[in-house]
PDB file of all heavy atoms in Angstrom:
ATOM      1  N   CYS A   1      -2.860   0.245   3.660  1.00  0.00           N
ATOM      2  CA  CYS A   1      -2.065  -0.850   4.224  1.00  0.00           C
ATOM      3  C   CYS A   1      -2.619  -2.204   3.771  1.00  0.00           C
ATOM      4  O   CYS A   1      -1.863  -3.103   3.407  1.00  0.00           O
ATOM      5  CB  CYS A   1      -2.056  -0.751   5.738  1.00  0.00           C
ATOM      6  SG  CYS A   1      -0.914  -1.881   6.526  1.00  0.00           S
ATOM      7  N   ALA A   2      -3.936  -2.346   3.770  1.00  0.00           N
ATOM      8  CA  ALA A   2      -4.550  -3.606   3.325  1.00  0.00           C
ATOM      9  C   ALA A   2      -4.194  -3.896   1.866  1.00  0.00           C
ATOM     10  O   ALA A   2      -3.838  -5.026   1.515  1.00  0.00           O
ATOM     11  CB  ALA A   2      -6.071  -3.544   3.505  1.00  0.00           C
ATOM     12  N   LEU A   3      -4.276  -2.876   1.012  1.00  0.00           N
ATOM     13  CA  LEU A   3      -3.926  -3.083  -0.393  1.00  0.00           C
ATOM     14  C   LEU A   3      -2.439  -3.381  -0.545  1.00  0.00           C
ATOM     15  O   LEU A   3      -2.050  -4.266  -1.310  1.00  0.00           O
ATOM     16  CB  LEU A   3      -4.323  -1.871  -1.237  1.00  0.00           C
ATOM     17  CG  LEU A   3      -3.990  -1.983  -2.730  1.00  0.00           C
ATOM     18  CD1 LEU A   3      -4.661  -3.207  -3.363  1.00  0.00           C
ATOM     19  CD2 LEU A   3      -4.404  -0.718  -3.460  1.00  0.00           C
ATOM     20  N   ILE A   4      -1.603  -2.671   0.186  1.00  0.00           N
ATOM     21  CA  ILE A   4      -0.159  -2.888   0.085  1.00  0.00           C
ATOM     22  C   ILE A   4       0.207  -4.304   0.550  1.00  0.00           C
ATOM     23  O   ILE A   4       1.036  -4.970  -0.085  1.00  0.00           O
ATOM     24  CB  ILE A   4       0.606  -1.811   0.881  1.00  0.00           C
ATOM     25  CG1 ILE A   4       0.479  -0.473   0.146  1.00  0.00           C
ATOM     26  CG2 ILE A   4       2.066  -2.191   1.081  1.00  0.00           C
ATOM     27  CD1 ILE A   4       0.886   0.731   0.969  1.00  0.00           C
ATOM     28  N   MET A   5      -0.384  -4.770   1.628  1.00  0.00           N
ATOM     29  CA  MET A   5      -0.098  -6.134   2.093  1.00  0.00           C
ATOM     30  C   MET A   5      -0.488  -7.156   1.039  1.00  0.00           C
ATOM     31  O   MET A   5       0.261  -8.102   0.761  1.00  0.00           O
ATOM     32  CB  MET A   5      -0.820  -6.414   3.417  1.00  0.00           C
ATOM     33  CG  MET A   5      -0.249  -5.664   4.595  1.00  0.00           C
ATOM     34  SD  MET A   5       1.506  -6.007   4.903  1.00  0.00           S
ATOM     35  CE  MET A   5       1.441  -7.715   5.367  1.00  0.00           C
ATOM     36  N   ALA A   6      -1.672  -6.979   0.434  1.00  0.00           N
ATOM     37  CA  ALA A   6      -2.104  -7.909  -0.616  1.00  0.00           C
ATOM     38  C   ALA A   6      -1.209  -7.777  -1.844  1.00  0.00           C
ATOM     39  O   ALA A   6      -0.886  -8.780  -2.494  1.00  0.00           O
ATOM     40  CB  ALA A   6      -3.563  -7.641  -0.979  1.00  0.00           C
ATOM     41  N   TRP A   7      -0.804  -6.551  -2.168  1.00  0.00           N
ATOM     42  CA  TRP A   7       0.035  -6.326  -3.344  1.00  0.00           C
ATOM     43  C   TRP A   7       1.385  -7.029  -3.212  1.00  0.00           C
ATOM     44  O   TRP A   7       1.843  -7.712  -4.116  1.00  0.00           O
ATOM     45  CB  TRP A   7       0.239  -4.826  -3.543  1.00  0.00           C
ATOM     46  CG  TRP A   7       0.994  -4.543  -4.792  1.00  0.00           C
ATOM     47  CD1 TRP A   7       2.329  -4.256  -4.911  1.00  0.00           C
ATOM     48  CD2 TRP A   7       0.474  -4.558  -6.120  1.00  0.00           C
ATOM     49  NE1 TRP A   7       2.655  -4.087  -6.228  1.00  0.00           N
ATOM     50  CE2 TRP A   7       1.540  -4.266  -6.991  1.00  0.00           C
ATOM     51  CE3 TRP A   7      -0.803  -4.788  -6.648  1.00  0.00           C
ATOM     52  CZ2 TRP A   7       1.369  -4.202  -8.367  1.00  0.00           C
ATOM     53  CZ3 TRP A   7      -0.964  -4.712  -8.020  1.00  0.00           C
ATOM     54  CH2 TRP A   7       0.118  -4.423  -8.859  1.00  0.00           C
ATOM     55  N   TYR A   8       2.026  -6.853  -2.066  1.00  0.00           N
ATOM     56  CA  TYR A   8       3.357  -7.418  -1.883  1.00  0.00           C
ATOM     57  C   TYR A   8       3.347  -8.852  -1.358  1.00  0.00           C
ATOM     58  O   TYR A   8       4.380  -9.521  -1.409  1.00  0.00           O
ATOM     59  CB  TYR A   8       4.196  -6.519  -0.970  1.00  0.00           C
ATOM     60  CG  TYR A   8       4.615  -5.246  -1.657  1.00  0.00           C
ATOM     61  CD1 TYR A   8       4.042  -4.029  -1.316  1.00  0.00           C
ATOM     62  CD2 TYR A   8       5.557  -5.260  -2.675  1.00  0.00           C
ATOM     63  CE1 TYR A   8       4.412  -2.857  -1.961  1.00  0.00           C
ATOM     64  CE2 TYR A   8       5.932  -4.095  -3.328  1.00  0.00           C
ATOM     65  CZ  TYR A   8       5.357  -2.897  -2.965  1.00  0.00           C
ATOM     66  OH  TYR A   8       5.719  -1.732  -3.611  1.00  0.00           O
ATOM     67  N   HIS A   9       2.196  -9.320  -0.884  1.00  0.00           N
ATOM     68  CA  HIS A   9       2.102 -10.696  -0.374  1.00  0.00           C
ATOM     69  C   HIS A   9       0.814 -11.372  -0.857  1.00  0.00           C
ATOM     70  O   HIS A   9      -0.005 -11.820  -0.050  1.00  0.00           O
ATOM     71  CB  HIS A   9       2.174 -10.713   1.154  1.00  0.00           C
ATOM     72  CG  HIS A   9       3.495 -10.271   1.673  1.00  0.00           C
ATOM     73  ND1 HIS A   9       4.616 -11.076   1.629  1.00  0.00           N
ATOM     74  CD2 HIS A   9       3.890  -9.087   2.193  1.00  0.00           C
ATOM     75  CE1 HIS A   9       5.642 -10.411   2.119  1.00  0.00           C
ATOM     76  NE2 HIS A   9       5.225  -9.203   2.467  1.00  0.00           N
ATOM     77  N   PRO A  10       0.636 -11.491  -2.181  1.00  0.00           N
ATOM     78  CA  PRO A  10      -0.590 -12.127  -2.683  1.00  0.00           C
ATOM     79  C   PRO A  10      -0.667 -13.612  -2.341  1.00  0.00           C
ATOM     80  O   PRO A  10      -1.738 -14.203  -2.440  1.00  0.00           O
ATOM     81  CB  PRO A  10      -0.515 -11.894  -4.202  1.00  0.00           C
ATOM     82  CG  PRO A  10       0.936 -11.724  -4.490  1.00  0.00           C
ATOM     83  CD  PRO A  10       1.517 -11.056  -3.261  1.00  0.00           C
ATOM     84  N   GLU A  11       0.444 -14.199  -1.907  1.00  0.00           N
ATOM     85  CA  GLU A  11       0.402 -15.593  -1.463  1.00  0.00           C
ATOM     86  C   GLU A  11      -0.334 -15.716  -0.127  1.00  0.00           C
ATOM     87  O   GLU A  11      -0.786 -16.788   0.248  1.00  0.00           O
ATOM     88  CB  GLU A  11       1.823 -16.177  -1.364  1.00  0.00           C
ATOM     89  CG  GLU A  11       2.637 -15.735  -0.160  1.00  0.00           C
ATOM     90  CD  GLU A  11       3.262 -14.327  -0.273  1.00  0.00           C
ATOM     91  OE1 GLU A  11       3.007 -13.602  -1.246  1.00  0.00           O
ATOM     92  OE2 GLU A  11       4.024 -13.975   0.644  1.00  0.00           O
ATOM     93  N   LEU A  12      -0.491 -14.605   0.595  1.00  0.00           N
ATOM     94  CA  LEU A  12      -1.177 -14.603   1.892  1.00  0.00           C
ATOM     95  C   LEU A  12      -2.534 -13.906   1.852  1.00  0.00           C
ATOM     96  O   LEU A  12      -3.445 -14.284   2.582  1.00  0.00           O
ATOM     97  CB  LEU A  12      -0.303 -13.898   2.943  1.00  0.00           C
ATOM     98  CG  LEU A  12       1.059 -14.525   3.227  1.00  0.00           C
ATOM     99  CD1 LEU A  12       1.866 -13.629   4.153  1.00  0.00           C
ATOM    100  CD2 LEU A  12       0.897 -15.913   3.804  1.00  0.00           C
ATOM    101  N   TYR A  13      -2.657 -12.845   1.049  1.00  0.00           N
ATOM    102  CA  TYR A  13      -3.867 -12.018   1.046  1.00  0.00           C
ATOM    103  C   TYR A  13      -4.410 -11.900  -0.375  1.00  0.00           C
ATOM    104  O   TYR A  13      -3.664 -11.568  -1.293  1.00  0.00           O
ATOM    105  CB  TYR A  13      -3.560 -10.606   1.580  1.00  0.00           C
ATOM    106  CG  TYR A  13      -2.861 -10.615   2.910  1.00  0.00           C
ATOM    107  CD1 TYR A  13      -1.494 -10.385   3.006  1.00  0.00           C
ATOM    108  CD2 TYR A  13      -3.581 -10.848   4.075  1.00  0.00           C
ATOM    109  CE1 TYR A  13      -0.849 -10.390   4.225  1.00  0.00           C
ATOM    110  CE2 TYR A  13      -2.942 -10.853   5.298  1.00  0.00           C
ATOM    111  CZ  TYR A  13      -1.575 -10.628   5.373  1.00  0.00           C
ATOM    112  OH  TYR A  13      -0.952 -10.636   6.578  1.00  0.00           O
ATOM    113  N   HIS A  14      -5.708 -12.152  -0.528  1.00  0.00           N
ATOM    114  CA  HIS A  14      -6.317 -12.109  -1.862  1.00  0.00           C
ATOM    115  C   HIS A  14      -7.496 -11.144  -1.946  1.00  0.00           C
ATOM    116  O   HIS A  14      -7.923 -10.811  -3.036  1.00  0.00           O
ATOM    117  CB  HIS A  14      -6.826 -13.496  -2.276  1.00  0.00           C
ATOM    118  CG  HIS A  14      -5.762 -14.535  -2.280  1.00  0.00           C
ATOM    119  ND1 HIS A  14      -4.846 -14.655  -3.298  1.00  0.00           N
ATOM    120  CD2 HIS A  14      -5.459 -15.496  -1.381  1.00  0.00           C
ATOM    121  CE1 HIS A  14      -4.038 -15.658  -3.029  1.00  0.00           C
ATOM    122  NE2 HIS A  14      -4.379 -16.177  -1.873  1.00  0.00           N
ATOM    123  N   ARG A  15      -8.030 -10.747  -0.813  1.00  0.00           N
ATOM    124  CA  ARG A  15      -9.227  -9.909  -0.797  1.00  0.00           C
ATOM    125  C   ARG A  15      -8.944  -8.640  -0.009  1.00  0.00           C
ATOM    126  O   ARG A  15      -8.351  -8.693   1.065  1.00  0.00           O
ATOM    127  CB  ARG A  15     -10.393 -10.667  -0.176  1.00  0.00           C
ATOM    128  CG  ARG A  15     -10.890 -11.768  -1.088  1.00  0.00           C
ATOM    129  CD  ARG A  15     -11.561 -12.895  -0.314  1.00  0.00           C
ATOM    130  NE  ARG A  15     -12.131 -13.877  -1.199  1.00  0.00           N
ATOM    131  CZ  ARG A  15     -11.452 -14.766  -1.906  1.00  0.00           C
ATOM    132  NH1 ARG A  15     -10.147 -14.767  -1.864  1.00  0.00           N
ATOM    133  NH2 ARG A  15     -12.059 -15.643  -2.667  1.00  0.00           N
ATOM    134  N   VAL A  16      -9.394  -7.508  -0.572  1.00  0.00           N
ATOM    135  CA  VAL A  16      -9.113  -6.214   0.047  1.00  0.00           C
ATOM    136  C   VAL A  16     -10.397  -5.405   0.121  1.00  0.00           C
ATOM    137  O   VAL A  16     -11.112  -5.283  -0.873  1.00  0.00           O
ATOM    138  CB  VAL A  16      -8.064  -5.419  -0.775  1.00  0.00           C
ATOM    139  CG1 VAL A  16      -7.840  -4.041  -0.178  1.00  0.00           C
ATOM    140  CG2 VAL A  16      -6.755  -6.196  -0.876  1.00  0.00           C
ATOM    141  N   LEU A  17     -10.701  -4.871   1.295  1.00  0.00           N
ATOM    142  CA  LEU A  17     -11.785  -3.907   1.470  1.00  0.00           C
ATOM    143  C   LEU A  17     -11.153  -2.589   1.868  1.00  0.00           C
ATOM    144  O   LEU A  17     -10.398  -2.531   2.839  1.00  0.00           O
ATOM    145  CB  LEU A  17     -12.748  -4.333   2.580  1.00  0.00           C
ATOM    146  CG  LEU A  17     -13.846  -5.293   2.176  1.00  0.00           C
ATOM    147  CD1 LEU A  17     -13.331  -6.702   2.145  1.00  0.00           C
ATOM    148  CD2 LEU A  17     -14.980  -5.175   3.143  1.00  0.00           C
ATOM    149  N   SER A  18     -11.467  -1.537   1.117  1.00  0.00           N
ATOM    150  CA  SER A  18     -10.855  -0.236   1.333  1.00  0.00           C
ATOM    151  C   SER A  18     -11.935   0.827   1.485  1.00  0.00           C
ATOM    152  O   SER A  18     -12.712   1.060   0.569  1.00  0.00           O
ATOM    153  CB  SER A  18      -9.965   0.099   0.127  1.00  0.00           C
ATOM    154  OG  SER A  18      -9.606   1.452   0.135  1.00  0.00           O
ATOM    155  N   PHE A  19     -11.960   1.473   2.639  1.00  0.00           N
ATOM    156  CA  PHE A  19     -12.843   2.619   2.874  1.00  0.00           C
ATOM    157  C   PHE A  19     -11.960   3.860   2.961  1.00  0.00           C
ATOM    158  O   PHE A  19     -11.040   3.911   3.781  1.00  0.00           O
ATOM    159  CB  PHE A  19     -13.628   2.457   4.177  1.00  0.00           C
ATOM    160  CG  PHE A  19     -14.678   1.396   4.127  1.00  0.00           C
ATOM    161  CD1 PHE A  19     -14.441   0.118   4.613  1.00  0.00           C
ATOM    162  CD2 PHE A  19     -15.922   1.670   3.578  1.00  0.00           C
ATOM    163  CE1 PHE A  19     -15.409  -0.855   4.570  1.00  0.00           C
ATOM    164  CE2 PHE A  19     -16.912   0.697   3.522  1.00  0.00           C
ATOM    165  CZ  PHE A  19     -16.655  -0.568   4.019  1.00  0.00           C
ATOM    166  N   SER A  20     -12.217   4.862   2.125  1.00  0.00           N
ATOM    167  CA  SER A  20     -11.469   6.126   2.138  1.00  0.00           C
ATOM    168  C   SER A  20      -9.959   5.889   2.094  1.00  0.00           C
ATOM    169  O   SER A  20      -9.195   6.455   2.879  1.00  0.00           O
ATOM    170  CB  SER A  20     -11.815   6.956   3.377  1.00  0.00           C
ATOM    171  OG  SER A  20     -13.161   7.317   3.389  1.00  0.00           O
ATOM    172  N   GLY A  21      -9.528   5.045   1.173  1.00  0.00           N
ATOM    173  CA  GLY A  21      -8.123   4.665   1.091  1.00  0.00           C
ATOM    174  C   GLY A  21      -7.176   5.842   0.935  1.00  0.00           C
ATOM    175  O   GLY A  21      -7.392   6.725   0.119  1.00  0.00           O
ATOM    176  N   THR A  22      -6.113   5.836   1.729  1.00  0.00           N
ATOM    177  CA  THR A  22      -5.090   6.870   1.665  1.00  0.00           C
ATOM    178  C   THR A  22      -4.074   6.471   0.597  1.00  0.00           C
ATOM    179  O   THR A  22      -2.949   6.101   0.902  1.00  0.00           O
ATOM    180  CB  THR A  22      -4.416   7.047   3.042  1.00  0.00           C
ATOM    181  OG1 THR A  22      -5.419   7.337   3.997  1.00  0.00           O
ATOM    182  CG2 THR A  22      -3.416   8.196   3.040  1.00  0.00           C
ATOM    183  N   PHE A  23      -4.496   6.522  -0.658  1.00  0.00           N
ATOM    184  CA  PHE A  23      -3.621   6.170  -1.772  1.00  0.00           C
ATOM    185  C   PHE A  23      -2.896   7.417  -2.276  1.00  0.00           C
ATOM    186  O   PHE A  23      -2.832   7.676  -3.468  1.00  0.00           O
ATOM    187  CB  PHE A  23      -4.430   5.501  -2.886  1.00  0.00           C
ATOM    188  CG  PHE A  23      -5.184   4.287  -2.417  1.00  0.00           C
ATOM    189  CD1 PHE A  23      -6.545   4.185  -2.615  1.00  0.00           C
ATOM    190  CD2 PHE A  23      -4.529   3.264  -1.764  1.00  0.00           C
ATOM    191  CE1 PHE A  23      -7.245   3.078  -2.173  1.00  0.00           C
ATOM    192  CE2 PHE A  23      -5.206   2.149  -1.318  1.00  0.00           C
ATOM    193  CZ  PHE A  23      -6.570   2.060  -1.522  1.00  0.00           C
ATOM    194  N   VAL A  24      -2.392   8.196  -1.332  1.00  0.00           N
ATOM    195  CA  VAL A  24      -1.710   9.454  -1.624  1.00  0.00           C
ATOM    196  C   VAL A  24      -0.262   9.358  -1.140  1.00  0.00           C
ATOM    197  O   VAL A  24       0.157   8.331  -0.626  1.00  0.00           O
ATOM    198  CB  VAL A  24      -2.441  10.651  -0.966  1.00  0.00           C
ATOM    199  CG1 VAL A  24      -3.849  10.792  -1.518  1.00  0.00           C
ATOM    200  CG2 VAL A  24      -2.466  10.526   0.543  1.00  0.00           C
ATOM    201  N   ASN A  25       0.478  10.425  -1.269  1.00  0.00           N
ATOM    202  CA  ASN A  25       1.881  10.437  -0.890  1.00  0.00           C
ATOM    203  C   ASN A  25       2.027  10.796   0.590  1.00  0.00           C
ATOM    204  O   ASN A  25       2.197  11.949   0.939  1.00  0.00           O
ATOM    205  CB  ASN A  25       2.660  11.423  -1.759  1.00  0.00           C
ATOM    206  CG  ASN A  25       4.151  11.321  -1.526  1.00  0.00           C
ATOM    207  OD1 ASN A  25       4.627  10.476  -0.786  1.00  0.00           O
ATOM    208  ND2 ASN A  25       4.895  12.194  -2.177  1.00  0.00           N
ATOM    209  N   GLN A  26       1.964   9.789   1.453  1.00  0.00           N
ATOM    210  CA  GLN A  26       2.080   9.999   2.897  1.00  0.00           C
ATOM    211  C   GLN A  26       3.243   9.212   3.491  1.00  0.00           C
ATOM    212  O   GLN A  26       3.300   9.040   4.690  1.00  0.00           O
ATOM    213  CB  GLN A  26       0.788   9.550   3.600  1.00  0.00           C
ATOM    214  CG  GLN A  26      -0.449  10.317   3.222  1.00  0.00           C
ATOM    215  CD  GLN A  26      -0.488  11.678   3.849  1.00  0.00           C
ATOM    216  OE1 GLN A  26       0.042  12.625   3.306  1.00  0.00           O
ATOM    217  NE2 GLN A  26      -1.133  11.796   4.981  1.00  0.00           N
ATOM    218  N   GLN A  27       4.132   8.678   2.670  1.00  0.00           N
ATOM    219  CA  GLN A  27       5.169   7.795   3.193  1.00  0.00           C
ATOM    220  C   GLN A  27       6.196   8.532   4.049  1.00  0.00           C
ATOM    221  O   GLN A  27       6.523   9.681   3.797  1.00  0.00           O
ATOM    222  CB  GLN A  27       5.869   7.075   2.054  1.00  0.00           C
ATOM    223  CG  GLN A  27       6.798   7.942   1.240  1.00  0.00           C
ATOM    224  CD  GLN A  27       7.587   7.138   0.237  1.00  0.00           C
ATOM    225  OE1 GLN A  27       7.843   5.959   0.445  1.00  0.00           O
ATOM    226  NE2 GLN A  27       7.963   7.771  -0.857  1.00  0.00           N
ATOM    227  N   TRP A  28       6.652   7.851   5.058  1.00  0.00           N
ATOM    228  CA  TRP A  28       7.777   8.300   5.866  1.00  0.00           C
ATOM    229  C   TRP A  28       8.327   7.098   6.587  1.00  0.00           C
ATOM    230  O   TRP A  28       7.552   6.372   7.197  1.00  0.00           O
ATOM    231  CB  TRP A  28       7.362   9.381   6.866  1.00  0.00           C
ATOM    232  CG  TRP A  28       8.555   9.903   7.592  1.00  0.00           C
ATOM    233  CD1 TRP A  28       8.949   9.568   8.862  1.00  0.00           C
ATOM    234  CD2 TRP A  28       9.536  10.795   7.084  1.00  0.00           C
ATOM    235  NE1 TRP A  28      10.104  10.197   9.174  1.00  0.00           N
ATOM    236  CE2 TRP A  28      10.497  10.965   8.091  1.00  0.00           C
ATOM    237  CE3 TRP A  28       9.720  11.445   5.875  1.00  0.00           C
ATOM    238  CZ2 TRP A  28      11.615  11.764   7.933  1.00  0.00           C
ATOM    239  CZ3 TRP A  28      10.819  12.243   5.721  1.00  0.00           C
ATOM    240  CH2 TRP A  28      11.754  12.395   6.752  1.00  0.00           C
ATOM    241  N   PRO A  29       9.584   6.808   6.501  1.00  0.00           N
ATOM    242  CA  PRO A  29      10.601   7.577   5.804  1.00  0.00           C
ATOM    243  C   PRO A  29      10.520   7.391   4.288  1.00  0.00           C
ATOM    244  O   PRO A  29       9.880   6.466   3.794  1.00  0.00           O
ATOM    245  CB  PRO A  29      11.912   7.008   6.352  1.00  0.00           C
ATOM    246  CG  PRO A  29      11.583   5.605   6.728  1.00  0.00           C
ATOM    247  CD  PRO A  29      10.145   5.633   7.173  1.00  0.00           C
ATOM    248  N   TYR A  30      11.182   8.253   3.582  1.00  0.00           N
ATOM    249  CA  TYR A  30      11.203   8.246   2.120  1.00  0.00           C
ATOM    250  C   TYR A  30      11.786   6.938   1.596  1.00  0.00           C
ATOM    251  O   TYR A  30      12.774   6.435   2.118  1.00  0.00           O
ATOM    252  CB  TYR A  30      12.035   9.433   1.624  1.00  0.00           C
ATOM    253  CG  TYR A  30      12.178   9.478   0.123  1.00  0.00           C
ATOM    254  CD1 TYR A  30      11.135   9.925  -0.675  1.00  0.00           C
ATOM    255  CD2 TYR A  30      13.353   9.062  -0.488  1.00  0.00           C
ATOM    256  CE1 TYR A  30      11.264   9.969  -2.054  1.00  0.00           C
ATOM    257  CE2 TYR A  30      13.495   9.109  -1.873  1.00  0.00           C
ATOM    258  CZ  TYR A  30      12.440   9.558  -2.642  1.00  0.00           C
ATOM    259  OH  TYR A  30      12.563   9.592  -4.004  1.00  0.00           O
ATOM    260  N   ASN A  31      11.149   6.384   0.568  1.00  0.00           N
ATOM    261  CA  ASN A  31      11.631   5.168  -0.076  1.00  0.00           C
ATOM    262  C   ASN A  31      11.824   5.474  -1.562  1.00  0.00           C
ATOM    263  O   ASN A  31      10.842   5.745  -2.261  1.00  0.00           O
ATOM    264  CB  ASN A  31      10.620   4.041   0.122  1.00  0.00           C
ATOM    265  CG  ASN A  31      11.076   2.742  -0.512  1.00  0.00           C
ATOM    266  OD1 ASN A  31      12.011   2.700  -1.292  1.00  0.00           O
ATOM    267  ND2 ASN A  31      10.383   1.669  -0.173  1.00  0.00           N
ATOM    268  N   PRO A  32      13.047   5.429  -2.064  1.00  0.00           N
ATOM    269  CA  PRO A  32      13.274   5.755  -3.472  1.00  0.00           C
ATOM    270  C   PRO A  32      12.577   4.802  -4.442  1.00  0.00           C
ATOM    271  O   PRO A  32      12.334   5.157  -5.590  1.00  0.00           O
ATOM    272  CB  PRO A  32      14.802   5.702  -3.627  1.00  0.00           C
ATOM    273  CG  PRO A  32      15.308   4.966  -2.448  1.00  0.00           C
ATOM    274  CD  PRO A  32      14.285   5.102  -1.357  1.00  0.00           C
ATOM    275  N   ALA A  33      12.212   3.599  -3.983  1.00  0.00           N
ATOM    276  CA  ALA A  33      11.493   2.657  -4.855  1.00  0.00           C
ATOM    277  C   ALA A  33      10.061   3.119  -5.117  1.00  0.00           C
ATOM    278  O   ALA A  33       9.460   2.763  -6.137  1.00  0.00           O
ATOM    279  CB  ALA A  33      11.488   1.264  -4.230  1.00  0.00           C
ATOM    280  N   THR A  34       9.502   3.899  -4.193  1.00  0.00           N
ATOM    281  CA  THR A  34       8.150   4.457  -4.346  1.00  0.00           C
ATOM    282  C   THR A  34       8.199   5.931  -3.970  1.00  0.00           C
ATOM    283  O   THR A  34       7.710   6.329  -2.911  1.00  0.00           O
ATOM    284  CB  THR A  34       7.134   3.706  -3.458  1.00  0.00           C
ATOM    285  OG1 THR A  34       7.606   3.720  -2.106  1.00  0.00           O
ATOM    286  CG2 THR A  34       6.926   2.277  -3.919  1.00  0.00           C
ATOM    287  N   PRO A  35       8.775   6.773  -4.816  1.00  0.00           N
ATOM    288  CA  PRO A  35       9.006   8.168  -4.444  1.00  0.00           C
ATOM    289  C   PRO A  35       7.742   8.980  -4.161  1.00  0.00           C
ATOM    290  O   PRO A  35       7.819   9.984  -3.465  1.00  0.00           O
ATOM    291  CB  PRO A  35       9.756   8.737  -5.657  1.00  0.00           C
ATOM    292  CG  PRO A  35       9.497   7.804  -6.767  1.00  0.00           C
ATOM    293  CD  PRO A  35       9.253   6.469  -6.145  1.00  0.00           C
ATOM    294  N   ARG A  36       6.585   8.539  -4.643  1.00  0.00           N
ATOM    295  CA  ARG A  36       5.343   9.273  -4.371  1.00  0.00           C
ATOM    296  C   ARG A  36       4.424   8.470  -3.453  1.00  0.00           C
ATOM    297  O   ARG A  36       3.217   8.610  -3.477  1.00  0.00           O
ATOM    298  CB  ARG A  36       4.641   9.628  -5.672  1.00  0.00           C
ATOM    299  CG  ARG A  36       5.546  10.551  -6.525  1.00  0.00           C
ATOM    300  CD  ARG A  36       4.871  11.073  -7.714  1.00  0.00           C
ATOM    301  NE  ARG A  36       4.239  12.337  -7.344  1.00  0.00           N
ATOM    302  CZ  ARG A  36       3.337  12.938  -8.089  1.00  0.00           C
ATOM    303  NH1 ARG A  36       2.958  12.425  -9.223  1.00  0.00           N
ATOM    304  NH2 ARG A  36       2.802  14.082  -7.701  1.00  0.00           N
ATOM    305  N   GLY A  37       5.007   7.609  -2.627  1.00  0.00           N
ATOM    306  CA  GLY A  37       4.230   6.850  -1.657  1.00  0.00           C
ATOM    307  C   GLY A  37       3.191   5.965  -2.326  1.00  0.00           C
ATOM    308  O   GLY A  37       3.432   5.367  -3.370  1.00  0.00           O
ATOM    309  N   CYS A  38       2.020   5.900  -1.733  1.00  0.00           N
ATOM    310  CA  CYS A  38       0.955   5.040  -2.241  1.00  0.00           C
ATOM    311  C   CYS A  38       0.337   5.589  -3.528  1.00  0.00           C
ATOM    312  O   CYS A  38      -0.412   4.901  -4.206  1.00  0.00           O
ATOM    313  CB  CYS A  38      -0.103   4.830  -1.158  1.00  0.00           C
ATOM    314  SG  CYS A  38      -0.977   3.277  -1.355  1.00  0.00           S
TER     315      CYS A  38
END
């Protein structure tokens, strides 16, 4: 979530700390723009 917020809103967030990031396919509901989630 921290990375996604910075990714889509770099005008607000510039620094990201990620511990055990869930950069896997866990999205729900399905979004065709990102079919494999994170």
